[in-house]
PDB file of N, CA and C in Angstrom:
ATOM      1  N   MET A   1     -59.240  23.540  95.897  1.00  0.00           N
ATOM      2  CA  MET A   1     -58.025  23.860  96.617  1.00  0.00           C
ATOM      3  C   MET A   1     -57.445  22.632  97.319  1.00  0.00           C
ATOM      4  N   ARG A   2     -58.325  21.695  97.737  1.00  0.00           N
ATOM      5  CA  ARG A   2     -57.842  20.494  98.415  1.00  0.00           C
ATOM      6  C   ARG A   2     -57.112  19.574  97.449  1.00  0.00           C
ATOM      7  N   CYS A   3     -57.410  19.667  96.188  1.00  0.00           N
ATOM      8  CA  CYS A   3     -56.829  18.782  95.187  1.00  0.00           C
ATOM      9  C   CYS A   3     -55.371  19.153  94.883  1.00  0.00           C
ATOM     10  N   THR A   4     -54.998  20.378  95.125  1.00  0.00           N
ATOM     11  CA  THR A   4     -53.651  20.848  94.807  1.00  0.00           C
ATOM     12  C   THR A   4     -52.550  20.026  95.480  1.00  0.00           C
ATOM     13  N   PRO A   5     -52.622  19.718  96.784  1.00  0.00           N
ATOM     14  CA  PRO A   5     -51.559  18.893  97.383  1.00  0.00           C
ATOM     15  C   PRO A   5     -51.475  17.491  96.754  1.00  0.00           C
ATOM     16  N   CYS A   6     -52.614  16.917  96.402  1.00  0.00           N
ATOM     17  CA  CYS A   6     -52.605  15.587  95.767  1.00  0.00           C
ATOM     18  C   CYS A   6     -51.933  15.643  94.404  1.00  0.00           C
ATOM     19  N   VAL A   7     -52.248  16.652  93.630  1.00  0.00           N
ATOM     20  CA  VAL A   7     -51.642  16.803  92.305  1.00  0.00           C
ATOM     21  C   VAL A   7     -50.144  17.035  92.445  1.00  0.00           C
ATOM     22  N   LEU A   8     -49.764  17.869  93.392  1.00  0.00           N
ATOM     23  CA  LEU A   8     -48.350  18.131  93.632  1.00  0.00           C
ATOM     24  C   LEU A   8     -47.617  16.857  94.039  1.00  0.00           C
ATOM     25  N   LEU A   9     -48.211  16.037  94.865  1.00  0.00           N
ATOM     26  CA  LEU A   9     -47.617  14.781  95.283  1.00  0.00           C
ATOM     27  C   LEU A   9     -47.453  13.825  94.109  1.00  0.00           C
ATOM     28  N   ILE A  10     -48.447  13.733  93.257  1.00  0.00           N
ATOM     29  CA  ILE A  10     -48.372  12.849  92.087  1.00  0.00           C
ATOM     30  C   ILE A  10     -47.302  13.320  91.111  1.00  0.00           C
ATOM     31  N   VAL A  11     -47.235  14.604  90.865  1.00  0.00           N
ATOM     32  CA  VAL A  11     -46.222  15.150  89.954  1.00  0.00           C
ATOM     33  C   VAL A  11     -44.822  14.918  90.518  1.00  0.00           C
ATOM     34  N   THR A  12     -44.639  15.153  91.801  1.00  0.00           N
ATOM     35  CA  THR A  12     -43.335  14.931  92.433  1.00  0.00           C
ATOM     36  C   THR A  12     -42.926  13.462  92.344  1.00  0.00           C
ATOM     37  N   ALA A  13     -43.852  12.564  92.606  1.00  0.00           N
ATOM     38  CA  ALA A  13     -43.556  11.131  92.523  1.00  0.00           C
ATOM     39  C   ALA A  13     -43.168  10.733  91.100  1.00  0.00           C
ATOM     40  N   ALA A  14     -43.858  11.274  90.109  1.00  0.00           N
ATOM     41  CA  ALA A  14     -43.547  10.961  88.714  1.00  0.00           C
ATOM     42  C   ALA A  14     -42.164  11.462  88.326  1.00  0.00           C
ATOM     43  N   VAL A  15     -41.812  12.656  88.771  1.00  0.00           N
ATOM     44  CA  VAL A  15     -40.490  13.213  88.463  1.00  0.00           C
ATOM     45  C   VAL A  15     -39.391  12.382  89.115  1.00  0.00           C
ATOM     46  N   LEU A  16     -39.580  12.019  90.357  1.00  0.00           N
ATOM     47  CA  LEU A  16     -38.571  11.210  91.043  1.00  0.00           C
ATOM     48  C   LEU A  16     -38.457   9.819  90.439  1.00  0.00           C
ATOM     49  N   ALA A  17     -39.543   9.239  90.011  1.00  0.00           N
ATOM     50  CA  ALA A  17     -39.500   7.912  89.388  1.00  0.00           C
ATOM     51  C   ALA A  17     -38.772   7.951  88.062  1.00  0.00           C
ATOM     52  N   SER A  18     -38.883   9.041  87.333  1.00  0.00           N
ATOM     53  CA  SER A  18     -38.210   9.135  86.037  1.00  0.00           C
ATOM     54  C   SER A  18     -36.704   9.304  86.193  1.00  0.00           C
ATOM     55  N   CYS A  19     -36.237   9.680  87.360  1.00  0.00           N
ATOM     56  CA  CYS A  19     -34.805   9.833  87.603  1.00  0.00           C
ATOM     57  C   CYS A  19     -34.120   8.497  87.878  1.00  0.00           C
ATOM     58  N   ASN A  20     -34.885   7.484  88.151  1.00  0.00           N
ATOM     59  CA  ASN A  20     -34.334   6.173  88.463  1.00  0.00           C
ATOM     60  C   ASN A  20     -33.816   5.527  87.188  1.00  0.00           C
ATOM     61  N   THR A  21     -32.509   5.299  87.099  1.00  0.00           N
ATOM     62  CA  THR A  21     -31.886   4.712  85.926  1.00  0.00           C
ATOM     63  C   THR A  21     -31.280   3.375  86.305  1.00  0.00           C
ATOM     64  N   PHE A  22     -31.606   2.350  85.531  1.00  0.00           N
ATOM     65  CA  PHE A  22     -31.036   1.024  85.733  1.00  0.00           C
ATOM     66  C   PHE A  22     -29.613   1.036  85.195  1.00  0.00           C
ATOM     67  N   ARG A  23     -28.647   0.683  86.034  1.00  0.00           N
ATOM     68  CA  ARG A  23     -27.246   0.722  85.636  1.00  0.00           C
ATOM     69  C   ARG A  23     -26.618  -0.652  85.794  1.00  0.00           C
ATOM     70  N   VAL A  24     -25.817  -1.029  84.803  1.00  0.00           N
ATOM     71  CA  VAL A  24     -25.037  -2.264  84.846  1.00  0.00           C
ATOM     72  C   VAL A  24     -23.628  -1.911  84.416  1.00  0.00           C
ATOM     73  N   ALA A  25     -22.650  -2.385  85.142  1.00  0.00           N
ATOM     74  CA  ALA A  25     -21.240  -2.112  84.844  1.00  0.00           C
ATOM     75  C   ALA A  25     -20.977  -0.610  84.743  1.00  0.00           C
ATOM     76  N   GLY A  26     -21.693   0.178  85.532  1.00  0.00           N
ATOM     77  CA  GLY A  26     -21.497   1.627  85.559  1.00  0.00           C
ATOM     78  C   GLY A  26     -22.156   2.374  84.413  1.00  0.00           C
ATOM     79  N   ALA A  27     -22.902   1.684  83.560  1.00  0.00           N
ATOM     80  CA  ALA A  27     -23.509   2.322  82.392  1.00  0.00           C
ATOM     81  C   ALA A  27     -25.032   2.260  82.489  1.00  0.00           C
ATOM     82  N   ALA A  28     -25.679   3.324  82.024  1.00  0.00           N
ATOM     83  CA  ALA A  28     -27.139   3.325  81.959  1.00  0.00           C
ATOM     84  C   ALA A  28     -27.574   2.221  81.005  1.00  0.00           C
ATOM     85  N   THR A  29     -28.509   1.396  81.452  1.00  0.00           N
ATOM     86  CA  THR A  29     -28.925   0.225  80.681  1.00  0.00           C
ATOM     87  C   THR A  29     -30.416   0.314  80.398  1.00  0.00           C
ATOM     88  N   PHE A  30     -30.777   0.082  79.139  1.00  0.00           N
ATOM     89  CA  PHE A  30     -32.178   0.202  78.741  1.00  0.00           C
ATOM     90  C   PHE A  30     -32.499  -0.831  77.668  1.00  0.00           C
ATOM     91  N   GLY A  31     -33.743  -0.879  77.291  1.00  0.00           N
ATOM     92  CA  GLY A  31     -34.178  -1.843  76.286  1.00  0.00           C
ATOM     93  C   GLY A  31     -34.864  -3.023  76.954  1.00  0.00           C
ATOM     94  N   ARG A  32     -34.657  -4.198  76.428  1.00  0.00           N
ATOM     95  CA  ARG A  32     -35.329  -5.406  76.897  1.00  0.00           C
ATOM     96  C   ARG A  32     -34.545  -6.056  78.034  1.00  0.00           C
ATOM     97  N   VAL A  33     -34.325  -5.290  79.082  1.00  0.00           N
ATOM     98  CA  VAL A  33     -33.477  -5.732  80.195  1.00  0.00           C
ATOM     99  C   VAL A  33     -34.051  -6.931  80.929  1.00  0.00           C
ATOM    100  N   HIS A  34     -35.339  -7.187  80.799  1.00  0.00           N
ATOM    101  CA  HIS A  34     -35.954  -8.331  81.473  1.00  0.00           C
ATOM    102  C   HIS A  34     -35.588  -9.657  80.801  1.00  0.00           C
ATOM    103  N   GLU A  35     -35.005  -9.613  79.600  1.00  0.00           N
ATOM    104  CA  GLU A  35     -34.682 -10.832  78.860  1.00  0.00           C
ATOM    105  C   GLU A  35     -33.287 -11.383  79.159  1.00  0.00           C
ATOM    106  N   ILE A  36     -32.500 -10.673  79.938  1.00  0.00           N
ATOM    107  CA  ILE A  36     -31.111 -11.069  80.139  1.00  0.00           C
ATOM    108  C   ILE A  36     -30.699 -10.748  81.572  1.00  0.00           C
ATOM    109  N   SER A  37     -29.811 -11.534  82.116  1.00  0.00           N
ATOM    110  CA  SER A  37     -29.381 -11.293  83.494  1.00  0.00           C
ATOM    111  C   SER A  37     -28.306 -10.217  83.539  1.00  0.00           C
ATOM    112  N   VAL A  38     -28.151  -9.636  84.710  1.00  0.00           N
ATOM    113  CA  VAL A  38     -27.103  -8.638  84.924  1.00  0.00           C
ATOM    114  C   VAL A  38     -25.731  -9.266  84.681  1.00  0.00           C
ATOM    115  N   ALA A  39     -25.553 -10.504  85.112  1.00  0.00           N
ATOM    116  CA  ALA A  39     -24.274 -11.204  84.912  1.00  0.00           C
ATOM    117  C   ALA A  39     -23.958 -11.363  83.425  1.00  0.00           C
ATOM    118  N   ASP A  40     -24.979 -11.634  82.609  1.00  0.00           N
ATOM    119  CA  ASP A  40     -24.752 -11.760  81.170  1.00  0.00           C
ATOM    120  C   ASP A  40     -24.364 -10.426  80.542  1.00  0.00           C
ATOM    121  N   ILE A  41     -24.990  -9.345  80.974  1.00  0.00           N
ATOM    122  CA  ILE A  41     -24.633  -8.020  80.460  1.00  0.00           C
ATOM    123  C   ILE A  41     -23.201  -7.680  80.856  1.00  0.00           C
ATOM    124  N   GLU A  42     -22.853  -7.950  82.112  1.00  0.00           N
ATOM    125  CA  GLU A  42     -21.480  -7.698  82.570  1.00  0.00           C
ATOM    126  C   GLU A  42     -20.481  -8.542  81.790  1.00  0.00           C
ATOM    127  N   ALA A  43     -20.841  -9.776  81.453  1.00  0.00           N
ATOM    128  CA  ALA A  43     -19.954 -10.644  80.672  1.00  0.00           C
ATOM    129  C   ALA A  43     -19.746 -10.088  79.265  1.00  0.00           C
ATOM    130  N   ALA A  44     -20.788  -9.520  78.664  1.00  0.00           N
ATOM    131  CA  ALA A  44     -20.657  -8.918  77.333  1.00  0.00           C
ATOM    132  C   ALA A  44     -19.720  -7.711  77.378  1.00  0.00           C
ATOM    133  N   VAL A  45     -19.866  -6.878  78.392  1.00  0.00           N
ATOM    134  CA  VAL A  45     -18.985  -5.706  78.539  1.00  0.00           C
ATOM    135  C   VAL A  45     -17.545  -6.157  78.796  1.00  0.00           C
ATOM    136  N   ALA A  46     -17.363  -7.155  79.636  1.00  0.00           N
ATOM    137  CA  ALA A  46     -16.019  -7.662  79.932  1.00  0.00           C
ATOM    138  C   ALA A  46     -15.362  -8.244  78.681  1.00  0.00           C
ATOM    139  N   ALA A  47     -16.119  -8.958  77.860  1.00  0.00           N
ATOM    140  CA  ALA A  47     -15.575  -9.529  76.625  1.00  0.00           C
ATOM    141  C   ALA A  47     -15.149  -8.424  75.664  1.00  0.00           C
ATOM    142  N   TYR A  48     -15.931  -7.368  75.589  1.00  0.00           N
ATOM    143  CA  TYR A  48     -15.577  -6.237  74.737  1.00  0.00           C
ATOM    144  C   TYR A  48     -14.295  -5.573  75.220  1.00  0.00           C
ATOM    145  N   LYS A  49     -14.218  -5.327  76.517  1.00  0.00           N
ATOM    146  CA  LYS A  49     -13.023  -4.672  77.068  1.00  0.00           C
ATOM    147  C   LYS A  49     -11.786  -5.555  76.943  1.00  0.00           C
ATOM    148  N   ALA A  50     -11.930  -6.860  77.105  1.00  0.00           N
ATOM    149  CA  ALA A  50     -10.788  -7.775  76.993  1.00  0.00           C
ATOM    150  C   ALA A  50     -10.231  -7.801  75.573  1.00  0.00           C
ATOM    151  N   ALA A  51     -11.089  -7.632  74.586  1.00  0.00           N
ATOM    152  CA  ALA A  51     -10.644  -7.650  73.193  1.00  0.00           C
ATOM    153  C   ALA A  51     -10.031  -6.323  72.752  1.00  0.00           C
ATOM    154  N   HIS A  52     -10.206  -5.285  73.536  1.00  0.00           N
ATOM    155  CA  HIS A  52      -9.719  -3.945  73.176  1.00  0.00           C
ATOM    156  C   HIS A  52      -8.868  -3.363  74.301  1.00  0.00           C
ATOM    157  N   ILE A  53      -7.870  -4.078  74.731  1.00  0.00           N
ATOM    158  CA  ILE A  53      -7.108  -3.648  75.908  1.00  0.00           C
ATOM    159  C   ILE A  53      -6.307  -2.378  75.668  1.00  0.00           C
ATOM    160  N   TYR A  54      -6.000  -2.049  74.414  1.00  0.00           N
ATOM    161  CA  TYR A  54      -5.201  -0.857  74.141  1.00  0.00           C
ATOM    162  C   TYR A  54      -6.033   0.321  73.641  1.00  0.00           C
ATOM    163  N   GLU A  55      -7.328   0.205  73.680  1.00  0.00           N
ATOM    164  CA  GLU A  55      -8.213   1.261  73.199  1.00  0.00           C
ATOM    165  C   GLU A  55      -9.098   1.757  74.337  1.00  0.00           C
ATOM    166  N   ASP A  56      -9.705   2.921  74.115  1.00  0.00           N
ATOM    167  CA  ASP A  56     -10.672   3.452  75.078  1.00  0.00           C
ATOM    168  C   ASP A  56     -11.932   2.598  74.996  1.00  0.00           C
ATOM    169  N   THR A  57     -12.232   1.893  76.066  1.00  0.00           N
ATOM    170  CA  THR A  57     -13.383   0.993  76.062  1.00  0.00           C
ATOM    171  C   THR A  57     -14.465   1.435  77.045  1.00  0.00           C
ATOM    172  N   SER A  58     -14.497   2.716  77.345  1.00  0.00           N
ATOM    173  CA  SER A  58     -15.521   3.177  78.277  1.00  0.00           C
ATOM    174  C   SER A  58     -16.899   3.033  77.629  1.00  0.00           C
ATOM    175  N   VAL A  59     -17.839   2.561  78.425  1.00  0.00           N
ATOM    176  CA  VAL A  59     -19.204   2.333  77.953  1.00  0.00           C
ATOM    177  C   VAL A  59     -20.130   3.226  78.757  1.00  0.00           C
ATOM    178  N   ALA A  60     -20.877   4.088  78.062  1.00  0.00           N
ATOM    179  CA  ALA A  60     -21.783   5.016  78.738  1.00  0.00           C
ATOM    180  C   ALA A  60     -23.208   4.472  78.797  1.00  0.00           C
ATOM    181  N   GLN A  61     -23.608   3.750  77.750  1.00  0.00           N
ATOM    182  CA  GLN A  61     -24.958   3.215  77.694  1.00  0.00           C
ATOM    183  C   GLN A  61     -24.938   1.805  77.124  1.00  0.00           C
ATOM    184  N   ILE A  62     -25.874   0.999  77.609  1.00  0.00           N
ATOM    185  CA  ILE A  62     -26.030  -0.370  77.126  1.00  0.00           C
ATOM    186  C   ILE A  62     -27.490  -0.550  76.736  1.00  0.00           C
ATOM    187  N   GLN A  63     -27.702  -0.971  75.505  1.00  0.00           N
ATOM    188  CA  GLN A  63     -29.062  -1.244  75.039  1.00  0.00           C
ATOM    189  C   GLN A  63     -29.205  -2.749  74.850  1.00  0.00           C
ATOM    190  N   VAL A  64     -30.165  -3.343  75.533  1.00  0.00           N
ATOM    191  CA  VAL A  64     -30.418  -4.776  75.386  1.00  0.00           C
ATOM    192  C   VAL A  64     -31.400  -4.958  74.238  1.00  0.00           C
ATOM    193  N   ILE A  65     -30.959  -5.647  73.201  1.00  0.00           N
ATOM    194  CA  ILE A  65     -31.790  -5.916  72.039  1.00  0.00           C
ATOM    195  C   ILE A  65     -32.541  -7.234  72.227  1.00  0.00           C
ATOM    196  N   SER A  66     -31.836  -8.248  72.702  1.00  0.00           N
ATOM    197  CA  SER A  66     -32.444  -9.558  72.946  1.00  0.00           C
ATOM    198  C   SER A  66     -31.585 -10.311  73.953  1.00  0.00           C
ATOM    199  N   HIS A  67     -31.953 -11.538  74.215  1.00  0.00           N
ATOM    200  CA  HIS A  67     -31.201 -12.389  75.142  1.00  0.00           C
ATOM    201  C   HIS A  67     -29.762 -12.593  74.667  1.00  0.00           C
ATOM    202  N   ASP A  68     -29.543 -12.556  73.366  1.00  0.00           N
ATOM    203  CA  ASP A  68     -28.226 -12.826  72.801  1.00  0.00           C
ATOM    204  C   ASP A  68     -27.589 -11.635  72.097  1.00  0.00           C
ATOM    205  N   GLU A  69     -28.113 -10.431  72.294  1.00  0.00           N
ATOM    206  CA  GLU A  69     -27.520  -9.259  71.647  1.00  0.00           C
ATOM    207  C   GLU A  69     -27.683  -8.010  72.498  1.00  0.00           C
ATOM    208  N   VAL A  70     -26.579  -7.278  72.662  1.00  0.00           N
ATOM    209  CA  VAL A  70     -26.595  -5.976  73.325  1.00  0.00           C
ATOM    210  C   VAL A  70     -25.783  -4.996  72.490  1.00  0.00           C
ATOM    211  N   ARG A  71     -26.102  -3.721  72.619  1.00  0.00           N
ATOM    212  CA  ARG A  71     -25.341  -2.661  71.953  1.00  0.00           C
ATOM    213  C   ARG A  71     -24.663  -1.826  73.021  1.00  0.00           C
ATOM    214  N   LEU A  72     -23.387  -1.556  72.819  1.00  0.00           N
ATOM    215  CA  LEU A  72     -22.597  -0.758  73.755  1.00  0.00           C
ATOM    216  C   LEU A  72     -22.290   0.583  73.104  1.00  0.00           C
ATOM    217  N   TYR A  73     -22.678   1.664  73.782  1.00  0.00           N
ATOM    218  CA  TYR A  73     -22.442   3.020  73.298  1.00  0.00           C
ATOM    219  C   TYR A  73     -21.332   3.652  74.128  1.00  0.00           C
ATOM    220  N   GLY A  74     -20.439   4.370  73.462  1.00  0.00           N
ATOM    221  CA  GLY A  74     -19.345   5.033  74.155  1.00  0.00           C
ATOM    222  C   GLY A  74     -19.769   6.317  74.825  1.00  0.00           C
ATOM    223  N   ASP A  75     -18.790   7.043  75.334  1.00  0.00           N
ATOM    224  CA  ASP A  75     -19.048   8.278  76.072  1.00  0.00           C
ATOM    225  C   ASP A  75     -19.445   9.453  75.189  1.00  0.00           C
ATOM    226  N   ARG A  76     -19.315   9.322  73.913  1.00  0.00           N
ATOM    227  CA  ARG A  76     -19.569  10.463  73.039  1.00  0.00           C
ATOM    228  C   ARG A  76     -21.032  10.619  72.662  1.00  0.00           C
ATOM    229  N   GLY A  77     -21.908  10.046  73.425  1.00  0.00           N
ATOM    230  CA  GLY A  77     -23.334  10.196  73.182  1.00  0.00           C
ATOM    231  C   GLY A  77     -23.843   9.249  72.116  1.00  0.00           C
ATOM    232  N   PRO A  78     -25.059   9.477  71.661  1.00  0.00           N
ATOM    233  CA  PRO A  78     -25.605   8.576  70.654  1.00  0.00           C
ATOM    234  C   PRO A  78     -24.786   8.649  69.378  1.00  0.00           C
ATOM    235  N   GLY A  79     -24.590   7.566  68.780  1.00  0.00           N
ATOM    236  CA  GLY A  79     -23.771   7.514  67.576  1.00  0.00           C
ATOM    237  C   GLY A  79     -23.261   6.101  67.387  1.00  0.00           C
ATOM    238  N   PRO A  80     -22.004   5.965  67.033  1.00  0.00           N
ATOM    239  CA  PRO A  80     -21.477   4.624  66.795  1.00  0.00           C
ATOM    240  C   PRO A  80     -21.627   3.734  68.030  1.00  0.00           C
ATOM    241  N   TYR A  81     -21.900   2.496  67.771  1.00  0.00           N
ATOM    242  CA  TYR A  81     -22.032   1.538  68.854  1.00  0.00           C
ATOM    243  C   TYR A  81     -21.408   0.217  68.427  1.00  0.00           C
ATOM    244  N   VAL A  82     -21.166  -0.615  69.398  1.00  0.00           N
ATOM    245  CA  VAL A  82     -20.630  -1.945  69.154  1.00  0.00           C
ATOM    246  C   VAL A  82     -21.735  -2.944  69.444  1.00  0.00           C
ATOM    247  N   ILE A  83     -21.889  -3.901  68.562  1.00  0.00           N
ATOM    248  CA  ILE A  83     -22.877  -4.956  68.755  1.00  0.00           C
ATOM    249  C   ILE A  83     -22.173  -6.158  69.365  1.00  0.00           C
ATOM    250  N   MET A  84     -22.658  -6.587  70.506  1.00  0.00           N
ATOM    251  CA  MET A  84     -22.149  -7.802  71.147  1.00  0.00           C
ATOM    252  C   MET A  84     -23.213  -8.882  70.988  1.00  0.00           C
ATOM    253  N   ARG A  85     -22.799 -10.027  70.397  1.00  0.00           N
ATOM    254  CA  ARG A  85     -23.731 -11.146  70.220  1.00  0.00           C
ATOM    255  C   ARG A  85     -23.161 -12.381  70.893  1.00  0.00           C
ATOM    256  N   ARG A  86     -24.063 -13.128  71.512  1.00  0.00           N
ATOM    257  CA  ARG A  86     -23.664 -14.386  72.128  1.00  0.00           C
ATOM    258  C   ARG A  86     -23.757 -15.474  71.060  1.00  0.00           C
ATOM    259  N   VAL A  87     -22.611 -16.094  70.777  1.00  0.00           N
ATOM    260  CA  VAL A  87     -22.535 -17.157  69.779  1.00  0.00           C
ATOM    261  C   VAL A  87     -21.974 -18.393  70.465  1.00  0.00           C
ATOM    262  N   HIS A  88     -22.755 -19.445  70.508  1.00  0.00           N
ATOM    263  CA  HIS A  88     -22.350 -20.700  71.169  1.00  0.00           C
ATOM    264  C   HIS A  88     -21.892 -20.442  72.614  1.00  0.00           C
ATOM    265  N   GLY A  89     -22.599 -19.564  73.299  1.00  0.00           N
ATOM    266  CA  GLY A  89     -22.326 -19.300  74.707  1.00  0.00           C
ATOM    267  C   GLY A  89     -21.227 -18.297  74.990  1.00  0.00           C
ATOM    268  N   LYS A  90     -20.571 -17.761  73.953  1.00  0.00           N
ATOM    269  CA  LYS A  90     -19.502 -16.773  74.149  1.00  0.00           C
ATOM    270  C   LYS A  90     -19.893 -15.465  73.473  1.00  0.00           C
ATOM    271  N   TRP A  91     -19.515 -14.360  74.122  1.00  0.00           N
ATOM    272  CA  TRP A  91     -19.828 -13.045  73.572  1.00  0.00           C
ATOM    273  C   TRP A  91     -18.793 -12.664  72.529  1.00  0.00           C
ATOM    274  N   ARG A  92     -19.248 -12.248  71.362  1.00  0.00           N
ATOM    275  CA  ARG A  92     -18.410 -11.785  70.257  1.00  0.00           C
ATOM    276  C   ARG A  92     -18.898 -10.404  69.843  1.00  0.00           C
ATOM    277  N   TYR A  93     -18.009  -9.631  69.241  1.00  0.00           N
ATOM    278  CA  TYR A  93     -18.458  -8.292  68.848  1.00  0.00           C
ATOM    279  C   TYR A  93     -18.423  -8.112  67.345  1.00  0.00           C
ATOM    280  N   TYR A  94     -19.320  -7.243  66.903  1.00  0.00           N
ATOM    281  CA  TYR A  94     -19.451  -6.854  65.508  1.00  0.00           C
ATOM    282  C   TYR A  94     -19.423  -5.328  65.498  1.00  0.00           C
ATOM    283  N   ASN A  95     -18.817  -4.740  64.485  1.00  0.00           N
ATOM    284  CA  ASN A  95     -18.914  -3.286  64.413  1.00  0.00           C
ATOM    285  C   ASN A  95     -20.195  -2.913  63.687  1.00  0.00           C
ATOM    286  N   THR A  96     -20.515  -1.630  63.613  1.00  0.00           N
ATOM    287  CA  THR A  96     -21.803  -1.194  63.061  1.00  0.00           C
ATOM    288  C   THR A  96     -21.886  -1.380  61.560  1.00  0.00           C
ATOM    289  N   GLU A  97     -20.770  -1.648  60.886  1.00  0.00           N
ATOM    290  CA  GLU A  97     -20.811  -1.924  59.464  1.00  0.00           C
ATOM    291  C   GLU A  97     -21.089  -3.399  59.192  1.00  0.00           C
ATOM    292  N   GLY A  98     -21.194  -4.202  60.252  1.00  0.00           N
ATOM    293  CA  GLY A  98     -21.531  -5.601  60.106  1.00  0.00           C
ATOM    294  C   GLY A  98     -20.347  -6.523  59.932  1.00  0.00           C
ATOM    295  N   ILE A  99     -19.154  -6.008  60.024  1.00  0.00           N
ATOM    296  CA  ILE A  99     -17.963  -6.850  59.871  1.00  0.00           C
ATOM    297  C   ILE A  99     -17.716  -7.594  61.171  1.00  0.00           C
ATOM    298  N   PHE A 100     -17.598  -8.895  61.083  1.00  0.00           N
ATOM    299  CA  PHE A 100     -17.368  -9.716  62.273  1.00  0.00           C
ATOM    300  C   PHE A 100     -15.942  -9.542  62.743  1.00  0.00           C
ATOM    301  N   THR A 101     -15.797  -9.328  64.016  1.00  0.00           N
ATOM    302  CA  THR A 101     -14.481  -9.227  64.634  1.00  0.00           C
ATOM    303  C   THR A 101     -14.473 -10.087  65.866  1.00  0.00           C
ATOM    304  N   SER A 102     -13.450 -10.885  66.029  1.00  0.00           N
ATOM    305  CA  SER A 102     -13.428 -11.760  67.213  1.00  0.00           C
ATOM    306  C   SER A 102     -12.422 -11.282  68.228  1.00  0.00           C
TER     307      SER A 102
END
């Protein structure tokens, strides 16, 4: 009976810890986030939005693939994404079919 409060405390702590979401530029961010700075992720999102000023550029999720690549997912849940790659220090985007777009 004494163990019950300890178990309850551990379960509560685990549930609360799982609610903690790392967010960058207002979007849930996951993946290899330790490989890239927050400023670099924000720069990738800004470059994407600057290139698409007349389109819906809302980003719901950001997946960090590597130091030089992130994937931006829109508000419609998992599905199509935009690949942002750093090339010679500048962020460029590719669509999911692999066609380079600057």
